[in-house]
Amino acid sequence: MGVRSQLRRELMNLEANGLMTADDVRMYLMQSKELFRQTGLSLVARFNAHHNKVLAGLPSHEKGLEHQQHKLFKEVLYPRNSVQSWLSKAH
């Protein structure tokens, strides 16, 4: 991770607020090894499709995966508990 992205993460205070960036969500999905072995890349692909729709302002079909936009940086962020509940329902 570069210096700029690390500084940006610190300024957004993601860990204290329980939020994750799209890259964090992708890494979280890949690190859940048991689930990743069962579903392959389909969960990551589903998340990528959802994230692209959110970025484009289109409605997504993924229920339970909430998002919000950072007020200063305008980055789409996902609450950690929302990602965990979506992951438990997705498989």
N, C-alpha and C. Protein backbone atom coordinates (compact mmCIF):
# COMPACT_ATOMS: atom_id res chain seq x y z
N MET A 1 0.85 -1.17 0.00
CA MET A 1 0.00 0.00 0.00
C MET A 1 0.90 1.23 0.00
N GLY A 2 0.57 2.18 -0.84
CA GLY A 2 1.38 3.37 -0.96
C GLY A 2 1.18 4.34 0.18
N VAL A 3 2.03 5.32 0.24
CA VAL A 3 1.98 6.32 1.31
C VAL A 3 0.69 7.13 1.22
N ARG A 4 0.31 7.53 0.03
CA ARG A 4 -0.92 8.32 -0.12
C ARG A 4 -2.15 7.55 0.34
N SER A 5 -2.25 6.31 -0.08
CA SER A 5 -3.43 5.53 0.30
C SER A 5 -3.44 5.25 1.80
N GLN A 6 -2.27 5.03 2.39
CA GLN A 6 -2.20 4.81 3.83
C GLN A 6 -2.59 6.08 4.59
N LEU A 7 -2.12 7.22 4.14
CA LEU A 7 -2.49 8.49 4.77
C LEU A 7 -3.98 8.75 4.63
N ARG A 8 -4.50 8.45 3.47
CA ARG A 8 -5.94 8.63 3.23
C ARG A 8 -6.76 7.75 4.16
N ARG A 9 -6.32 6.50 4.33
CA ARG A 9 -7.02 5.58 5.24
C ARG A 9 -7.00 6.11 6.67
N GLU A 10 -5.87 6.65 7.08
CA GLU A 10 -5.77 7.20 8.44
C GLU A 10 -6.67 8.42 8.60
N LEU A 11 -6.73 9.26 7.58
CA LEU A 11 -7.59 10.44 7.66
C LEU A 11 -9.07 10.08 7.68
N MET A 12 -9.44 9.01 6.99
CA MET A 12 -10.83 8.58 6.99
C MET A 12 -11.21 7.86 8.28
N ASN A 13 -10.21 7.41 9.05
CA ASN A 13 -10.43 6.76 10.34
C ASN A 13 -11.37 5.55 10.19
N LEU A 14 -11.05 4.68 9.25
CA LEU A 14 -11.93 3.56 8.91
C LEU A 14 -12.07 2.54 10.03
N GLU A 15 -10.96 2.16 10.66
CA GLU A 15 -11.01 1.12 11.67
C GLU A 15 -11.86 1.54 12.87
N ALA A 16 -11.74 2.78 13.29
CA ALA A 16 -12.49 3.25 14.45
C ALA A 16 -13.99 3.33 14.15
N ASN A 17 -14.33 3.59 12.90
CA ASN A 17 -15.74 3.71 12.53
C ASN A 17 -16.34 2.40 12.04
N GLY A 18 -15.54 1.35 11.96
CA GLY A 18 -16.04 0.05 11.51
C GLY A 18 -16.39 0.03 10.04
N LEU A 19 -15.63 0.77 9.23
CA LEU A 19 -15.90 0.84 7.80
C LEU A 19 -14.79 0.18 7.00
N MET A 20 -15.13 -0.24 5.79
CA MET A 20 -14.17 -0.89 4.90
C MET A 20 -14.28 -0.29 3.51
N THR A 21 -13.13 -0.14 2.85
CA THR A 21 -13.15 0.28 1.45
C THR A 21 -13.46 -0.95 0.59
N ALA A 22 -13.66 -0.74 -0.69
CA ALA A 22 -13.93 -1.85 -1.60
C ALA A 22 -12.75 -2.82 -1.63
N ASP A 23 -11.54 -2.30 -1.60
CA ASP A 23 -10.35 -3.17 -1.58
C ASP A 23 -10.30 -4.00 -0.29
N ASP A 24 -10.69 -3.38 0.83
CA ASP A 24 -10.73 -4.11 2.09
C ASP A 24 -11.74 -5.26 2.03
N VAL A 25 -12.89 -4.99 1.42
CA VAL A 25 -13.92 -6.02 1.31
C VAL A 25 -13.42 -7.17 0.44
N ARG A 26 -12.76 -6.85 -0.66
CA ARG A 26 -12.23 -7.91 -1.53
C ARG A 26 -11.21 -8.77 -0.78
N MET A 27 -10.32 -8.12 -0.03
CA MET A 27 -9.33 -8.87 0.74
C MET A 27 -10.00 -9.72 1.82
N TYR A 28 -11.03 -9.17 2.45
CA TYR A 28 -11.76 -9.91 3.48
C TYR A 28 -12.42 -11.15 2.89
N LEU A 29 -13.00 -11.01 1.70
CA LEU A 29 -13.63 -12.15 1.04
C LEU A 29 -12.61 -13.22 0.69
N MET A 30 -11.44 -12.80 0.23
CA MET A 30 -10.41 -13.77 -0.14
C MET A 30 -9.76 -14.42 1.07
N GLN A 31 -9.76 -13.73 2.20
CA GLN A 31 -9.13 -14.28 3.40
C GLN A 31 -10.02 -15.28 4.12
N SER A 32 -11.31 -15.24 3.87
CA SER A 32 -12.20 -16.25 4.47
C SER A 32 -12.03 -17.53 3.66
N LYS A 33 -11.01 -18.29 3.98
CA LYS A 33 -10.52 -19.40 3.15
C LYS A 33 -11.54 -20.51 2.94
N GLU A 34 -12.25 -20.89 4.00
CA GLU A 34 -13.22 -21.98 3.85
C GLU A 34 -14.30 -21.60 2.85
N LEU A 35 -14.80 -20.41 2.99
CA LEU A 35 -15.85 -19.93 2.10
C LEU A 35 -15.31 -19.72 0.70
N PHE A 36 -14.08 -19.23 0.61
CA PHE A 36 -13.48 -18.97 -0.70
C PHE A 36 -13.27 -20.27 -1.46
N ARG A 37 -12.91 -21.34 -0.77
CA ARG A 37 -12.74 -22.63 -1.44
C ARG A 37 -14.06 -23.16 -1.98
N GLN A 38 -15.14 -22.91 -1.25
CA GLN A 38 -16.45 -23.42 -1.67
C GLN A 38 -17.02 -22.64 -2.85
N THR A 39 -16.87 -21.33 -2.82
CA THR A 39 -17.54 -20.50 -3.82
C THR A 39 -16.61 -20.00 -4.91
N GLY A 40 -15.31 -20.14 -4.72
CA GLY A 40 -14.38 -19.64 -5.73
C GLY A 40 -14.40 -18.13 -5.80
N LEU A 41 -14.31 -17.62 -6.99
CA LEU A 41 -14.28 -16.18 -7.18
C LEU A 41 -15.67 -15.58 -7.35
N SER A 42 -16.71 -16.39 -7.21
CA SER A 42 -18.05 -15.88 -7.48
C SER A 42 -18.46 -14.78 -6.50
N LEU A 43 -18.06 -14.90 -5.23
CA LEU A 43 -18.39 -13.85 -4.27
C LEU A 43 -17.68 -12.54 -4.59
N VAL A 44 -16.43 -12.64 -4.97
CA VAL A 44 -15.68 -11.44 -5.33
C VAL A 44 -16.29 -10.82 -6.59
N ALA A 45 -16.68 -11.65 -7.54
CA ALA A 45 -17.31 -11.14 -8.76
C ALA A 45 -18.65 -10.49 -8.45
N ARG A 46 -19.42 -11.11 -7.56
CA ARG A 46 -20.71 -10.50 -7.16
C ARG A 46 -20.49 -9.16 -6.48
N PHE A 47 -19.48 -9.10 -5.60
CA PHE A 47 -19.20 -7.83 -4.93
C PHE A 47 -18.74 -6.78 -5.94
N ASN A 48 -17.88 -7.17 -6.88
CA ASN A 48 -17.41 -6.22 -7.89
C ASN A 48 -18.56 -5.68 -8.72
N ALA A 49 -19.50 -6.54 -9.10
CA ALA A 49 -20.67 -6.10 -9.87
C ALA A 49 -21.50 -5.13 -9.04
N HIS A 50 -21.68 -5.45 -7.76
CA HIS A 50 -22.43 -4.56 -6.87
C HIS A 50 -21.73 -3.21 -6.74
N HIS A 51 -20.44 -3.24 -6.51
CA HIS A 51 -19.68 -2.01 -6.30
C HIS A 51 -19.69 -1.14 -7.56
N ASN A 52 -19.59 -1.75 -8.73
CA ASN A 52 -19.65 -0.98 -9.97
C ASN A 52 -21.01 -0.32 -10.16
N LYS A 53 -22.08 -1.01 -9.78
CA LYS A 53 -23.42 -0.42 -9.87
C LYS A 53 -23.56 0.75 -8.89
N VAL A 54 -23.02 0.58 -7.70
CA VAL A 54 -23.07 1.66 -6.71
C VAL A 54 -22.32 2.88 -7.22
N LEU A 55 -21.15 2.66 -7.79
CA LEU A 55 -20.36 3.78 -8.32
C LEU A 55 -21.08 4.49 -9.46
N ALA A 56 -21.83 3.73 -10.25
CA ALA A 56 -22.56 4.31 -11.38
C ALA A 56 -23.89 4.92 -10.96
N GLY A 57 -24.30 4.70 -9.71
CA GLY A 57 -25.56 5.23 -9.23
C GLY A 57 -26.76 4.39 -9.62
N LEU A 58 -26.53 3.15 -9.98
CA LEU A 58 -27.60 2.24 -10.38
C LEU A 58 -28.02 1.38 -9.20
N PRO A 59 -29.26 0.89 -9.20
CA PRO A 59 -29.68 -0.01 -8.11
C PRO A 59 -29.00 -1.36 -8.22
N SER A 60 -28.70 -1.94 -7.09
CA SER A 60 -28.03 -3.23 -7.05
C SER A 60 -29.00 -4.30 -6.57
N HIS A 61 -28.74 -5.53 -6.94
CA HIS A 61 -29.59 -6.64 -6.54
C HIS A 61 -29.11 -7.31 -5.26
N GLU A 62 -27.98 -6.89 -4.75
CA GLU A 62 -27.44 -7.49 -3.52
C GLU A 62 -28.17 -6.90 -2.31
N LYS A 63 -28.94 -7.72 -1.66
CA LYS A 63 -29.68 -7.29 -0.47
C LYS A 63 -28.80 -7.44 0.76
N GLY A 64 -28.87 -6.48 1.64
CA GLY A 64 -28.14 -6.56 2.89
C GLY A 64 -26.73 -6.00 2.86
N LEU A 65 -26.25 -5.65 1.69
CA LEU A 65 -24.90 -5.08 1.60
C LEU A 65 -25.04 -3.56 1.52
N GLU A 66 -24.97 -2.94 2.69
CA GLU A 66 -25.16 -1.50 2.78
C GLU A 66 -23.87 -0.77 2.43
N HIS A 67 -24.02 0.46 2.02
CA HIS A 67 -22.85 1.28 1.71
C HIS A 67 -23.14 2.72 2.09
N GLN A 68 -22.10 3.48 2.20
CA GLN A 68 -22.22 4.92 2.43
C GLN A 68 -21.05 5.60 1.75
N GLN A 69 -21.20 6.90 1.57
CA GLN A 69 -20.14 7.64 0.89
C GLN A 69 -19.46 8.56 1.90
N HIS A 70 -18.14 8.53 1.90
CA HIS A 70 -17.38 9.40 2.79
C HIS A 70 -17.62 10.84 2.39
N LYS A 71 -17.86 11.69 3.36
CA LYS A 71 -18.24 13.08 3.05
C LYS A 71 -17.11 13.88 2.44
N LEU A 72 -15.90 13.67 2.88
CA LEU A 72 -14.78 14.45 2.38
C LEU A 72 -14.15 13.83 1.14
N PHE A 73 -13.89 12.54 1.19
CA PHE A 73 -13.16 11.88 0.10
C PHE A 73 -14.07 11.30 -0.98
N LYS A 74 -15.37 11.27 -0.74
CA LYS A 74 -16.36 10.77 -1.71
C LYS A 74 -16.11 9.33 -2.11
N GLU A 75 -15.54 8.55 -1.23
CA GLU A 75 -15.28 7.14 -1.51
C GLU A 75 -16.41 6.30 -0.93
N VAL A 76 -16.81 5.27 -1.65
CA VAL A 76 -17.86 4.38 -1.19
C VAL A 76 -17.27 3.44 -0.14
N LEU A 77 -17.91 3.40 1.02
CA LEU A 77 -17.44 2.60 2.14
C LEU A 77 -18.54 1.63 2.57
N TYR A 78 -18.13 0.51 3.12
CA TYR A 78 -19.06 -0.52 3.55
C TYR A 78 -18.88 -0.78 5.04
N PRO A 79 -19.97 -0.77 5.83
CA PRO A 79 -19.85 -1.11 7.24
C PRO A 79 -19.42 -2.57 7.41
N ARG A 80 -18.51 -2.81 8.33
CA ARG A 80 -17.96 -4.15 8.53
C ARG A 80 -19.06 -5.15 8.89
N ASN A 81 -19.99 -4.78 9.75
CA ASN A 81 -21.04 -5.72 10.14
C ASN A 81 -21.98 -6.05 8.98
N SER A 82 -22.18 -5.10 8.07
CA SER A 82 -22.99 -5.35 6.88
C SER A 82 -22.30 -6.36 5.96
N VAL A 83 -21.00 -6.21 5.79
CA VAL A 83 -20.23 -7.13 4.95
C VAL A 83 -20.25 -8.53 5.55
N GLN A 84 -20.08 -8.62 6.87
CA GLN A 84 -20.08 -9.93 7.52
C GLN A 84 -21.43 -10.62 7.42
N SER A 85 -22.52 -9.86 7.60
CA SER A 85 -23.84 -10.48 7.49
C SER A 85 -24.14 -10.88 6.05
N TRP A 86 -23.72 -10.06 5.07
CA TRP A 86 -23.91 -10.41 3.66
C TRP A 86 -23.13 -11.67 3.32
N LEU A 87 -21.94 -11.78 3.85
CA LEU A 87 -21.10 -12.95 3.59
C LEU A 87 -21.73 -14.21 4.18
N SER A 88 -22.30 -14.09 5.36
CA SER A 88 -22.92 -15.28 5.97
C SER A 88 -24.17 -15.71 5.21
N LYS A 89 -24.88 -14.78 4.60
CA LYS A 89 -26.08 -15.11 3.84
C LYS A 89 -25.76 -15.51 2.40
N ALA A 90 -24.61 -15.12 1.90
CA ALA A 90 -24.28 -15.31 0.49
C ALA A 90 -23.96 -16.75 0.14
N HIS A 91 -23.51 -17.52 1.07
CA HIS A 91 -23.12 -18.90 0.73
C HIS A 91 -24.11 -19.91 1.20
